[in-house]
C-alpha cells in the first residue's frame, strides 16, 4: 500500500498546487507527517486516510491505488 499511496498522495498534492505545509494545514496535521507519508516512511491510519480522501474528493480505494 505505501508505494501506491505515497505516489498518489504526492500526485494529488502537486496537482492541486499545494506545498506539504499547506496540505498539512488543510488536514490539521504536520508537514513532517505529510513528508513521511509521501516518502513511504509511515502509513496513515484509517482516520487520516478518510481525511485525505475527503480533502481531495476521492475514495480511499483511489487514494491507496485499489482499482475495481
Protein backbone atom coordinates (compact mmCIF):
# COMPACT_ATOMS: atom_id res chain seq x y z
CA UNK A 1 0.00 0.00 0.00
CA UNK A 2 2.68 2.51 0.92
CA UNK A 3 4.20 2.80 -2.56
CA UNK A 4 0.92 3.45 -4.32
CA UNK A 5 -0.41 5.62 -1.53
CA UNK A 6 2.71 7.74 -1.29
CA UNK A 7 2.83 8.27 -5.05
CA UNK A 8 -0.89 9.03 -5.24
CA UNK A 9 -0.74 11.48 -2.36
CA UNK A 10 2.18 13.36 -3.89
CA UNK A 11 0.44 13.46 -7.29
CA UNK A 12 -2.79 14.77 -5.75
CA UNK A 13 -0.94 17.40 -3.74
CA UNK A 14 1.16 18.52 -6.69
CA UNK A 15 -1.88 18.56 -8.98
CA UNK A 16 -3.62 20.89 -6.52
CA UNK A 17 -0.52 23.13 -6.42
CA UNK A 18 -0.16 22.66 -2.68
CA UNK A 19 3.01 22.57 -0.62
CA UNK A 20 3.34 19.87 2.01
CA UNK A 21 2.82 22.58 4.62
CA UNK A 22 -0.39 23.83 3.00
CA UNK A 23 -1.75 20.29 2.76
CA UNK A 24 -0.82 19.63 6.37
CA UNK A 25 -2.66 22.76 7.44
CA UNK A 26 -5.73 21.74 5.45
CA UNK A 27 -5.68 18.30 7.07
CA UNK A 28 -4.96 19.54 10.58
CA UNK A 29 -1.65 17.70 10.79
CA UNK A 30 2.05 18.47 10.47
CA UNK A 31 4.24 18.97 7.42
CA UNK A 32 6.55 16.28 8.79
CA UNK A 33 3.73 13.73 8.77
CA UNK A 34 2.83 14.62 5.17
CA UNK A 35 6.51 14.28 4.24
CA UNK A 36 6.70 10.85 5.89
CA UNK A 37 3.54 9.72 4.08
CA UNK A 38 4.89 10.85 0.72
CA UNK A 39 8.25 9.19 1.29
CA UNK A 40 6.62 5.93 2.38
CA UNK A 41 8.29 6.05 5.81
CA UNK A 42 4.92 6.00 7.57
CA UNK A 43 1.47 4.84 6.52
CA UNK A 44 -1.55 6.89 7.58
CA UNK A 45 -4.09 5.45 9.96
CA UNK A 46 -7.67 4.97 8.79
CA UNK A 47 -8.85 8.32 10.18
CA UNK A 48 -6.09 10.10 8.25
CA UNK A 49 -6.98 8.17 5.09
CA UNK A 50 -10.59 9.31 5.37
CA UNK A 51 -9.49 12.90 6.00
CA UNK A 52 -7.15 12.90 2.98
CA UNK A 53 -9.74 11.27 0.72
CA UNK A 54 -12.35 13.85 1.76
CA UNK A 55 -9.89 16.70 1.26
CA UNK A 56 -9.16 15.65 -2.34
CA UNK A 57 -12.70 14.38 -3.02
CA UNK A 58 -11.53 10.86 -3.90
CA UNK A 59 -12.33 7.47 -2.42
CA UNK A 60 -9.98 5.71 -0.04
CA UNK A 61 -9.67 2.96 -2.67
CA UNK A 62 -8.49 5.52 -5.23
CA UNK A 63 -6.12 7.03 -2.70
CA UNK A 64 -4.41 3.73 -1.93
CA UNK A 65 -4.36 2.64 -5.56
CA UNK A 66 -7.00 -0.07 -5.31
CA UNK A 67 -8.93 -0.36 -8.53
CA UNK A 68 -12.04 -2.43 -9.06
